[in-house]
Amino acid sequence: QVQLVESGGGLVQAGGSLRLSCAASGRTFSSYGMGWFRQAPGKEREFVAAITSSGGSTYYADSVKGRFTISRDNAKNTVYLQMNSLKPEDTAVYYCAAKRDYSGSYLRVGAYNYWGQGTQVTVSS
C-alpha cells in the first residue's frame, strides 16, 4: 500500500510559478513510478508529467513541456512538480499517482494503482 498526500497548490497570477509536492508513505517509494495528472471542472482527468522509479526518465504532456518539471527525492519519499509560466488553462485539481514501472503506460490514468486526494491550482489572468 502507498498513501499519497499532495501539497503546494494555491492561487497564482498568470506567468507565476508554483511547486507541488507529493509525499508518499511506506518503504517502497523507490519501487514506484510517479505521475502528476490534473482535472478541470467538467473535463476528464489528464496526464501532466511522470517520472520512472529511478528518476532516470521523465515524460510530459505537450501542453506543459518546457514549463513544468517533474523530479523526485527517493530519500524523502517525495515527488515534485515545478510549474513555471503558468497559464489560466492550467487551472485544475492536480493529483499525484503511483504505479509500478512495468504496469502499463505512464500516460494512462488506468495504469496507476494509488492516488492522492488532489490539490487545487488556480491561475488568474
Protein backbone atom coordinates (compact mmCIF):
# COMPACT_ATOMS: atom_id res chain seq x y z
CA GLN A 1 0.00 0.00 0.00
CA VAL A 2 1.11 3.52 -0.81
CA GLN A 3 -0.56 6.61 0.58
CA LEU A 4 -0.02 9.89 -1.23
CA VAL A 5 -0.56 13.42 0.04
CA GLU A 6 -0.24 16.44 -2.25
CA SER A 7 0.53 19.97 -1.15
CA GLY A 8 1.62 23.28 -2.60
CA GLY A 9 -1.42 24.28 -4.58
CA GLY A 10 -2.91 27.76 -4.45
CA LEU A 11 -3.85 30.89 -6.34
CA VAL A 12 -1.27 32.49 -8.61
CA GLN A 13 -1.31 35.07 -11.38
CA ALA A 14 -0.63 34.12 -14.96
CA GLY A 15 3.11 33.92 -15.56
CA GLY A 16 3.78 32.91 -11.98
CA SER A 17 5.16 29.72 -10.50
CA LEU A 18 4.15 27.04 -8.02
CA ARG A 19 5.82 23.89 -6.79
CA LEU A 20 3.65 20.94 -5.91
CA SER A 21 4.85 18.21 -3.59
CA CYS A 22 3.56 14.70 -3.12
CA ALA A 23 4.66 12.85 0.00
CA ALA A 24 4.38 9.07 -0.03
CA SER A 25 4.12 6.67 2.87
CA GLY A 26 5.82 3.31 3.01
CA ARG A 27 9.30 1.96 2.46
CA THR A 28 8.83 1.04 -1.19
CA PHE A 29 8.51 4.51 -2.72
CA SER A 30 11.62 3.97 -4.81
CA SER A 31 9.92 1.00 -6.47
CA TYR A 32 7.16 3.11 -7.95
CA GLY A 33 6.97 5.33 -10.96
CA MET A 34 5.12 8.54 -10.20
CA GLY A 35 2.81 10.70 -12.22
CA TRP A 36 1.01 14.01 -12.00
CA PHE A 37 -2.44 14.39 -13.50
CA ARG A 38 -4.96 17.21 -13.46
CA GLN A 39 -8.68 17.59 -13.79
CA ALA A 40 -10.51 20.79 -14.60
CA PRO A 41 -14.25 21.19 -13.93
CA GLY A 42 -16.30 19.31 -16.50
CA LYS A 43 -13.25 17.69 -18.06
CA GLU A 44 -11.62 14.30 -17.86
CA ARG A 45 -8.52 13.73 -15.80
CA GLU A 46 -5.47 14.24 -17.99
CA PHE A 47 -1.82 13.35 -17.89
CA VAL A 48 0.64 16.11 -16.98
CA ALA A 49 4.03 14.53 -16.20
CA ALA A 50 5.62 11.31 -14.98
CA ILE A 51 8.93 10.00 -13.74
CA THR A 52 10.26 6.46 -13.51
CA SER A 53 11.12 4.83 -10.19
CA SER A 54 14.83 5.61 -10.55
CA GLY A 55 14.20 9.10 -11.85
CA GLY A 56 16.09 8.23 -14.99
CA SER A 57 13.26 9.02 -17.39
CA THR A 58 10.59 11.70 -17.45
CA TYR A 59 7.53 12.27 -19.60
CA TYR A 60 5.46 15.39 -20.22
CA ALA A 61 2.23 16.36 -21.87
CA ASP A 62 2.81 18.64 -24.84
CA SER A 63 0.80 21.37 -23.14
CA VAL A 64 3.30 21.66 -20.26
CA LYS A 65 6.57 20.74 -21.93
CA GLY A 66 9.19 23.40 -21.31
CA ARG A 67 7.19 24.95 -18.45
CA PHE A 68 6.79 22.12 -15.91
CA THR A 69 9.48 19.90 -14.41
CA ILE A 70 8.91 16.69 -12.51
CA SER A 71 11.51 15.40 -10.07
CA ARG A 72 11.74 13.04 -7.13
CA ASP A 73 13.75 12.57 -3.97
CA ASN A 74 13.64 8.90 -3.01
CA ALA A 75 15.36 9.61 0.31
CA LYS A 76 12.43 11.87 1.23
CA ASN A 77 9.71 9.74 -0.39
CA THR A 78 8.59 12.82 -2.29
CA VAL A 79 7.87 13.74 -5.88
CA TYR A 80 7.69 17.35 -7.06
CA LEU A 81 6.13 19.27 -9.89
CA GLN A 82 7.72 22.65 -10.56
CA MET A 83 5.30 24.73 -12.59
CA ASN A 84 6.55 27.90 -14.27
CA SER A 85 4.95 30.35 -16.69
CA LEU A 86 1.54 29.30 -15.50
CA LYS A 87 -1.48 29.98 -17.69
CA PRO A 88 -5.18 30.23 -16.81
CA GLU A 89 -5.74 26.97 -18.67
CA ASP A 90 -3.51 25.23 -16.11
CA THR A 91 -6.25 25.76 -13.53
CA ALA A 92 -7.32 22.36 -12.20
CA VAL A 93 -7.10 19.96 -9.31
CA TYR A 94 -3.71 18.28 -9.52
CA TYR A 95 -3.29 14.68 -8.42
CA CYS A 96 -0.20 12.59 -7.90
CA ALA A 97 -0.30 8.87 -8.55
CA ALA A 98 1.94 5.82 -8.21
CA LYS A 99 2.45 2.75 -10.39
CA ARG A 100 4.96 0.02 -10.89
CA ASP A 101 7.33 0.78 -13.77
CA TYR A 102 6.15 -2.28 -15.68
CA SER A 103 2.39 -1.82 -15.25
CA GLY A 104 1.34 0.00 -18.40
CA SER A 105 1.88 3.36 -19.97
CA TYR A 106 2.91 6.28 -17.79
CA LEU A 107 0.47 8.46 -19.71
CA ARG A 108 -2.62 6.43 -18.92
CA VAL A 109 -4.81 7.10 -15.88
CA GLY A 110 -5.77 3.45 -15.60
CA ALA A 111 -2.18 2.29 -15.21
CA TYR A 112 -1.83 3.88 -11.77
CA ASN A 113 -2.69 1.98 -8.62
CA TYR A 114 -2.57 4.70 -5.98
CA TRP A 115 -3.83 8.27 -5.98
CA GLY A 116 -3.64 11.27 -3.70
CA GLN A 117 -6.59 13.44 -2.75
CA GLY A 118 -5.59 16.31 -5.03
CA THR A 119 -4.57 19.93 -4.58
CA GLN A 120 -6.23 22.91 -6.26
CA VAL A 121 -4.22 25.15 -8.57
CA THR A 122 -5.90 28.33 -9.76
CA VAL A 123 -4.23 30.66 -12.24
CA SER A 124 -5.80 34.07 -12.64
CA SER A 125 -5.48 36.13 -15.82
